Amino acid sequence: MLAVGTQAPAFTLPDKDGNSVSLSDFLGKKVVLYFYPKDSTPGCTRQAQAFREAFAQFVAAGAVVIGISKDSIKSHLNFATKQELPFILLSDTELTTLQAYEVWQEKKLYGKTSMGVVRSVYVIDEAGRIAAAWTKVKPEQSAQDALEFVCSCAK
């Protein structure tokens, strides 16, 4: 997990429509960056729905919401369409951003070890620095935790 106060790693990744999106596009705004394992799985769907339900509050607090996984652009488009997601989903099939944010890690499940995305959330401030970070978050709780932090900064 990257330390609070450090500069957030820069990235440019394709969104669900194939457009390039860079972290630098959002300088001057808070960015809620959430990393998740896989589109359309139960936990990731619940997490995306939680961000969808809180989306208007994030916007009102001046924050941008971005979800990142290693899924393809097509997978993101299908997931966003089916779940009516109003926020940005980015595809990191090369794992560069996942590794830069230290969320691509060894995981153990039922005694089997594999590499995968550890569900994590970063809040990046207007100057591009990490303002808050959570790792191994619960799908339903991560949006609320990030929203409470963003709203407390807006006061």
Protein backbone atom coordinates (compact mmCIF):
# COMPACT_ATOMS: atom_id res chain seq x y z
CA MET A 1 0.00 0.00 0.00
CA LEU A 2 1.37 3.39 -0.93
CA ALA A 3 1.87 5.83 1.93
CA VAL A 4 -0.44 8.76 2.58
CA GLY A 5 1.28 12.00 1.60
CA THR A 6 3.25 10.53 -1.31
CA GLN A 7 2.74 11.54 -4.92
CA ALA A 8 0.20 9.28 -6.63
CA PRO A 9 1.74 7.34 -9.54
CA ALA A 10 0.77 8.80 -12.90
CA PHE A 11 -1.16 6.64 -15.34
CA THR A 12 -2.91 6.71 -18.69
CA LEU A 13 -5.34 3.87 -19.37
CA PRO A 14 -8.26 3.22 -21.73
CA ASP A 15 -11.80 3.60 -20.42
CA LYS A 16 -14.79 1.42 -21.31
CA ASP A 17 -15.15 3.32 -24.61
CA GLY A 18 -11.46 3.05 -25.55
CA ASN A 19 -10.65 6.69 -24.71
CA SER A 20 -7.36 7.42 -22.93
CA VAL A 21 -7.78 8.74 -19.39
CA SER A 22 -4.87 10.08 -17.34
CA LEU A 23 -4.68 10.87 -13.65
CA SER A 24 -3.32 14.30 -14.65
CA ASP A 25 -6.69 15.03 -16.35
CA PHE A 26 -8.10 15.51 -12.84
CA LEU A 27 -5.54 17.80 -11.21
CA GLY A 28 -7.49 20.28 -9.09
CA LYS A 29 -10.09 17.66 -8.14
CA LYS A 30 -10.21 14.88 -5.59
CA VAL A 31 -10.02 11.45 -7.18
CA VAL A 32 -11.43 8.32 -5.56
CA LEU A 33 -9.49 5.50 -7.18
CA TYR A 34 -10.78 2.04 -6.41
CA PHE A 35 -9.14 -1.17 -7.52
CA TYR A 36 -11.17 -4.34 -7.82
CA PRO A 37 -10.52 -7.92 -8.97
CA LYS A 38 -13.04 -8.68 -11.74
CA ASP A 39 -16.08 -7.28 -13.51
CA SER A 40 -19.45 -8.94 -12.89
CA THR A 41 -18.38 -11.07 -9.92
CA PRO A 42 -20.60 -10.85 -6.82
CA GLY A 43 -18.27 -8.77 -4.61
CA CYS A 44 -17.17 -6.45 -7.40
CA THR A 45 -20.77 -5.93 -8.49
CA ARG A 46 -21.82 -5.01 -4.94
CA GLN A 47 -18.86 -2.60 -4.70
CA ALA A 48 -19.68 -0.95 -8.04
CA GLN A 49 -23.33 -0.62 -7.00
CA ALA A 50 -22.27 1.06 -3.74
CA PHE A 51 -20.19 3.59 -5.69
CA ARG A 52 -23.10 4.08 -8.11
CA GLU A 53 -25.53 4.77 -5.26
CA ALA A 54 -23.14 7.31 -3.69
CA PHE A 55 -22.04 8.85 -7.00
CA ALA A 56 -24.12 12.05 -6.73
CA GLN A 57 -22.67 12.68 -3.27
CA PHE A 58 -19.11 12.23 -4.59
CA VAL A 59 -19.84 14.72 -7.38
CA ALA A 60 -21.37 17.18 -4.89
CA ALA A 61 -18.17 16.92 -2.82
CA GLY A 62 -16.10 17.69 -5.91
CA ALA A 63 -14.68 14.19 -6.37
CA VAL A 64 -14.21 11.99 -9.42
CA VAL A 65 -14.72 8.22 -9.06
CA ILE A 66 -12.56 5.82 -11.08
CA GLY A 67 -12.60 2.03 -10.92
CA ILE A 68 -9.62 0.04 -12.23
CA SER A 69 -9.23 -3.67 -12.89
CA LYS A 70 -7.31 -5.85 -15.33
CA ASP A 71 -10.48 -6.59 -17.30
CA SER A 72 -10.73 -5.71 -20.98
CA ILE A 73 -12.40 -2.61 -22.41
CA LYS A 74 -15.25 -4.80 -23.69
CA SER A 75 -15.75 -6.37 -20.26
CA HIS A 76 -15.88 -2.89 -18.68
CA LEU A 77 -18.40 -1.68 -21.26
CA ASN A 78 -20.68 -4.68 -20.58
CA PHE A 79 -20.31 -4.30 -16.79
CA ALA A 80 -20.94 -0.53 -16.82
CA THR A 81 -23.94 -0.89 -19.11
CA LYS A 82 -25.55 -3.74 -17.15
CA GLN A 83 -25.01 -2.03 -13.77
CA GLU A 84 -25.73 1.52 -15.07
CA LEU A 85 -22.43 2.81 -13.70
CA PRO A 86 -22.05 6.59 -14.07
CA PHE A 87 -18.33 6.70 -13.21
CA ILE A 88 -15.14 5.90 -15.11
CA LEU A 89 -13.88 2.32 -15.44
CA LEU A 90 -10.30 1.87 -16.66
CA SER A 91 -8.71 -1.23 -18.13
CA ASP A 92 -5.18 -2.17 -17.00
CA THR A 93 -4.53 -5.40 -18.91
CA GLU A 94 -0.76 -4.80 -18.72
CA LEU A 95 -0.94 -4.49 -14.89
CA THR A 96 1.28 -1.37 -14.85
CA THR A 97 -1.03 0.79 -12.75
CA LEU A 98 -2.11 -2.13 -10.55
CA GLN A 99 1.57 -2.75 -9.77
CA ALA A 100 2.40 0.95 -9.34
CA TYR A 101 -0.34 1.25 -6.70
CA GLU A 102 0.83 -2.00 -5.06
CA VAL A 103 -2.55 -3.72 -5.38
CA TRP A 104 -1.36 -6.60 -7.60
CA GLN A 105 -0.30 -9.09 -4.94
CA GLU A 106 -0.08 -12.72 -4.01
CA LYS A 107 -3.40 -13.97 -2.67
CA LYS A 108 -4.41 -17.21 -1.00
CA LEU A 109 -7.82 -18.77 -1.43
CA TYR A 110 -8.74 -22.24 -0.24
CA GLY A 111 -5.05 -23.06 0.21
CA LYS A 112 -4.20 -22.06 -3.36
CA THR A 113 -1.78 -19.20 -4.02
CA SER A 114 -2.19 -16.91 -7.05
CA MET A 115 -1.59 -13.33 -8.11
CA GLY A 116 -4.52 -10.94 -8.18
CA VAL A 117 -5.93 -7.55 -7.30
CA VAL A 118 -6.32 -6.81 -3.61
CA ARG A 119 -9.50 -4.73 -3.30
CA SER A 120 -8.20 -1.27 -2.35
CA VAL A 121 -9.23 2.39 -2.40
CA TYR A 122 -7.10 5.52 -2.64
CA VAL A 123 -8.25 9.12 -2.35
CA ILE A 124 -5.96 11.45 -4.26
CA ASP A 125 -6.05 15.15 -3.43
CA GLU A 126 -6.22 18.11 -5.80
CA ALA A 127 -2.41 18.28 -6.03
CA GLY A 128 -2.05 14.60 -6.98
CA ARG A 129 -0.95 13.31 -3.56
CA ILE A 130 -2.39 10.32 -1.76
CA ALA A 131 -4.70 11.68 0.94
CA ALA A 132 -6.14 8.36 2.19
CA ALA A 133 -5.71 4.66 1.49
CA TRP A 134 -7.54 1.49 2.44
CA THR A 135 -6.59 -2.10 1.57
CA LYS A 136 -8.50 -5.38 1.76
CA VAL A 137 -11.72 -3.38 1.90
CA LYS A 138 -15.23 -4.83 2.12
CA PRO A 139 -17.11 -4.37 -1.16
CA GLU A 140 -20.21 -2.77 0.39
CA GLN A 141 -18.28 -0.51 2.79
CA SER A 142 -15.51 0.93 0.62
CA ALA A 143 -17.64 3.56 -1.12
CA GLN A 144 -19.02 4.80 2.21
CA ASP A 145 -15.55 5.02 3.78
CA ALA A 146 -14.24 7.00 0.82
CA LEU A 147 -17.31 9.27 0.77
CA GLU A 148 -16.99 10.06 4.47
CA PHE A 149 -13.33 10.96 3.97
CA VAL A 150 -14.03 13.12 0.89
CA CYS A 151 -16.89 14.91 2.64
CA SER A 152 -14.80 15.56 5.75
CA CYS A 153 -12.17 17.22 3.56
CA ALA A 154 -14.78 19.41 1.86
CA LYS A 155 -15.79 21.08 5.13
